[in-house]
Amino acid sequence: MAKGERSRRTTGTLSRNRMEAFSDGVLAIAITLLVLDLAVRPPGTPLEQFLHAWPAYLAYAVSFLTIGAAWIAHNALTDRLDRADVLLLRLNLLFLMVVGFLPFPTRLVADSLHEEVAAERVAVVVYGLTMLAIRLTFILLDSYSRRAHLLLPSDDDPDLQDLRRKYVYVVVGYALTIAL
């Protein structure tokens, strides 16, 4: 065992590279799962079938952009990390679990838009709660990394601090949208 590995293990911190690689893989799989639900279904001409499937395309686009935004934010966070401890890895798994769940409510929303209003409401609430959970788990990751002093010493970016202040507005916006 190399001296660097031994000191890392004794301090309870790990390299961020493995966490980042695993996270990129999970997010890539989640984004790929979204496209599997895109299909045209009879009856009708191919054009009618294609046009009738618009809810699936809309749900795909919103979910793709959501996972893309989660990846961008996660990438920015891991770029600022000096190291990762066991709790951060577990919080990261929770974040990835919620993002990996997003294809399911995406499918619910796409399927429900051709059904009765009650089914639409359930699907949209599940979808909204999943979106809110993605945001909250990322905020948890970011907050914990700062409190546990896992970030690189030069993490005083004013733009980043402004973004953190906006977290509250985003979460309130999600909650209000779900309630409506």
Protein backbone atom coordinates (compact mmCIF):
# COMPACT_ATOMS: atom_id res chain seq x y z
CA MET A 1 0.00 0.00 0.00
CA ALA A 2 1.42 3.39 -1.00
CA LYS A 3 1.94 6.06 1.61
CA GLY A 4 -0.72 8.35 0.01
CA GLU A 5 -3.32 5.56 0.09
CA ARG A 6 -2.57 4.80 3.74
CA SER A 7 -2.92 8.43 4.84
CA ARG A 8 -6.17 8.81 2.91
CA ARG A 9 -7.66 5.76 4.58
CA THR A 10 -6.65 6.86 8.05
CA THR A 11 -8.20 10.32 7.61
CA GLY A 12 -11.49 8.90 6.32
CA THR A 13 -11.40 10.66 2.97
CA LEU A 14 -11.22 9.30 -0.56
CA SER A 15 -10.37 10.59 -4.00
CA ARG A 16 -13.24 12.34 -5.78
CA ASN A 17 -12.33 10.75 -9.14
CA ARG A 18 -14.09 7.43 -8.56
CA MET A 19 -17.21 9.16 -7.27
CA GLU A 20 -17.24 11.40 -10.32
CA ALA A 21 -16.77 8.50 -12.77
CA PHE A 22 -19.50 6.40 -11.16
CA SER A 23 -21.87 9.37 -11.07
CA ASP A 24 -21.27 10.16 -14.74
CA GLY A 25 -22.11 6.55 -15.59
CA VAL A 26 -25.34 6.50 -13.59
CA LEU A 27 -26.48 9.83 -15.04
CA ALA A 28 -25.68 8.61 -18.57
CA ILE A 29 -27.75 5.46 -18.00
CA ALA A 30 -30.68 7.49 -16.61
CA ILE A 31 -30.66 9.76 -19.65
CA THR A 32 -30.49 6.71 -21.93
CA LEU A 33 -33.46 5.07 -20.20
CA LEU A 34 -35.60 8.07 -21.10
CA VAL A 35 -35.38 7.37 -24.82
CA LEU A 36 -36.52 3.77 -24.43
CA ASP A 37 -40.08 4.94 -23.76
CA LEU A 38 -40.35 6.84 -27.02
CA ALA A 39 -42.47 4.85 -29.45
CA VAL A 40 -45.32 5.24 -31.88
CA ARG A 41 -48.39 3.15 -31.21
CA PRO A 42 -51.30 2.22 -33.50
CA PRO A 43 -53.97 3.06 -34.59
CA GLY A 44 -53.53 5.61 -37.34
CA THR A 45 -51.12 6.46 -40.06
CA PRO A 46 -47.44 6.74 -39.15
CA LEU A 47 -47.78 10.53 -39.08
CA GLU A 48 -50.86 10.37 -36.81
CA GLN A 49 -49.09 7.92 -34.52
CA PHE A 50 -46.06 10.21 -34.38
CA LEU A 51 -48.15 13.30 -33.63
CA HIS A 52 -50.29 11.44 -31.07
CA ALA A 53 -47.12 10.63 -29.09
CA TRP A 54 -46.34 14.30 -28.38
CA PRO A 55 -46.64 13.91 -24.58
CA ALA A 56 -43.83 11.36 -24.61
CA TYR A 57 -41.59 13.74 -26.58
CA LEU A 58 -42.36 16.62 -24.24
CA ALA A 59 -41.74 14.51 -21.13
CA TYR A 60 -38.51 13.21 -22.67
CA ALA A 61 -37.26 16.72 -23.42
CA VAL A 62 -38.04 18.07 -19.94
CA SER A 63 -36.51 15.06 -18.20
CA PHE A 64 -33.45 15.03 -20.47
CA LEU A 65 -32.83 18.70 -19.71
CA THR A 66 -33.38 18.06 -15.99
CA ILE A 67 -30.84 15.23 -15.91
CA GLY A 68 -28.50 17.34 -18.03
CA ALA A 69 -28.79 20.21 -15.55
CA ALA A 70 -28.19 17.79 -12.66
CA TRP A 71 -25.07 16.53 -14.45
CA ILE A 72 -23.78 20.08 -15.02
CA ALA A 73 -24.36 21.01 -11.36
CA HIS A 74 -22.83 17.73 -10.15
CA ASN A 75 -19.83 18.25 -12.41
CA ALA A 76 -19.34 21.77 -11.04
CA LEU A 77 -19.51 20.39 -7.50
CA THR A 78 -17.03 17.58 -8.11
CA ASP A 79 -14.64 20.01 -9.83
CA ARG A 80 -14.57 22.01 -6.58
CA LEU A 81 -14.08 18.94 -4.38
CA ASP A 82 -10.68 18.30 -2.86
CA ARG A 83 -11.73 14.90 -1.57
CA ALA A 84 -14.80 12.86 -0.68
CA ASP A 85 -15.60 11.19 2.62
CA VAL A 86 -17.88 8.23 3.25
CA LEU A 87 -20.93 10.36 4.10
CA LEU A 88 -20.56 12.42 0.92
CA LEU A 89 -20.40 9.18 -1.09
CA ARG A 90 -23.62 8.00 0.55
CA LEU A 91 -25.34 11.33 -0.08
CA ASN A 92 -24.15 11.10 -3.68
CA LEU A 93 -25.71 7.64 -3.97
CA LEU A 94 -28.99 9.06 -2.70
CA PHE A 95 -28.81 11.83 -5.31
CA LEU A 96 -28.07 9.30 -8.06
CA MET A 97 -30.91 7.05 -6.88
CA VAL A 98 -33.41 9.89 -7.20
CA VAL A 99 -32.09 10.95 -10.62
CA GLY A 100 -32.12 7.31 -11.75
CA PHE A 101 -35.79 7.13 -10.74
CA LEU A 102 -36.77 10.02 -13.06
CA PRO A 103 -37.48 7.83 -16.13
CA PHE A 104 -40.36 6.18 -14.24
CA PRO A 105 -42.40 9.34 -13.49
CA THR A 106 -41.49 10.61 -16.96
CA ARG A 107 -43.25 7.58 -18.40
CA LEU A 108 -46.20 8.07 -16.02
CA VAL A 109 -46.67 11.65 -17.20
CA ALA A 110 -46.39 10.77 -20.88
CA ASP A 111 -48.92 7.93 -20.54
CA SER A 112 -51.33 9.88 -18.34
CA LEU A 113 -51.77 12.82 -20.70
CA HIS A 114 -54.10 10.66 -22.80
CA GLU A 115 -56.14 9.52 -19.79
CA GLU A 116 -58.51 11.06 -17.27
CA VAL A 117 -57.63 14.07 -15.14
CA ALA A 118 -57.15 12.03 -11.95
CA ALA A 119 -54.42 9.95 -13.58
CA GLU A 120 -52.75 13.10 -14.88
CA ARG A 121 -52.73 14.65 -11.41
CA VAL A 122 -51.14 11.60 -9.79
CA ALA A 123 -48.49 11.37 -12.50
CA VAL A 124 -47.67 15.07 -12.37
CA VAL A 125 -47.41 15.06 -8.57
CA VAL A 126 -45.06 12.04 -8.63
CA TYR A 127 -43.03 13.75 -11.35
CA GLY A 128 -42.91 17.03 -9.42
CA LEU A 129 -41.92 15.31 -6.19
CA THR A 130 -39.12 13.53 -8.03
CA MET A 131 -37.89 16.82 -9.49
CA LEU A 132 -38.03 18.40 -6.03
CA ALA A 133 -36.15 15.44 -4.53
CA ILE A 134 -33.42 15.79 -7.18
CA ARG A 135 -32.97 19.44 -6.26
CA LEU A 136 -33.06 18.81 -2.49
CA THR A 137 -30.57 15.95 -2.61
CA PHE A 138 -28.19 18.07 -4.67
CA ILE A 139 -28.52 20.94 -2.20
CA LEU A 140 -27.75 18.44 0.55
CA LEU A 141 -24.62 17.29 -1.33
CA ASP A 142 -23.45 20.85 -1.86
CA SER A 143 -24.16 21.94 1.72
CA TYR A 144 -22.50 18.91 3.24
CA SER A 145 -19.39 19.28 1.10
CA ARG A 146 -19.00 22.86 2.35
CA ARG A 147 -19.70 22.07 6.02
CA ALA A 148 -17.34 19.07 6.01
CA HIS A 149 -14.58 21.19 4.41
CA LEU A 150 -14.25 18.83 1.45
CA LEU A 151 -13.90 21.62 -1.11
CA LEU A 152 -10.70 23.03 -2.53
CA PRO A 153 -9.41 26.01 -0.54
CA SER A 154 -10.13 28.51 -3.34
CA ASP A 155 -13.93 28.05 -3.27
CA ASP A 156 -14.96 31.70 -2.85
CA ASP A 157 -16.61 32.22 -6.24
CA PRO A 158 -19.23 35.03 -5.91
CA ASP A 159 -21.33 33.53 -8.74
CA LEU A 160 -21.47 30.25 -6.85
CA GLN A 161 -22.56 32.00 -3.66
CA ASP A 162 -25.31 33.80 -5.60
CA LEU A 163 -26.48 30.48 -7.04
CA ARG A 164 -26.68 28.99 -3.54
CA ARG A 165 -28.91 31.86 -2.40
CA LYS A 166 -31.31 31.03 -5.23
CA TYR A 167 -31.79 27.45 -3.98
CA VAL A 168 -34.58 28.59 -1.69
CA TYR A 169 -36.54 30.15 -4.55
CA VAL A 170 -36.17 27.05 -6.70
CA VAL A 171 -37.38 24.73 -3.95
CA VAL A 172 -40.34 27.00 -3.13
CA GLY A 173 -41.18 27.14 -6.85
CA TYR A 174 -41.18 23.34 -7.10
CA ALA A 175 -43.35 23.03 -3.98
CA LEU A 176 -45.89 25.56 -5.25
CA THR A 177 -46.04 23.89 -8.66
CA ILE A 178 -46.65 20.50 -7.08
CA ALA A 179 -49.39 21.95 -4.86
CA LEU A 180 -51.14 23.50 -7.85
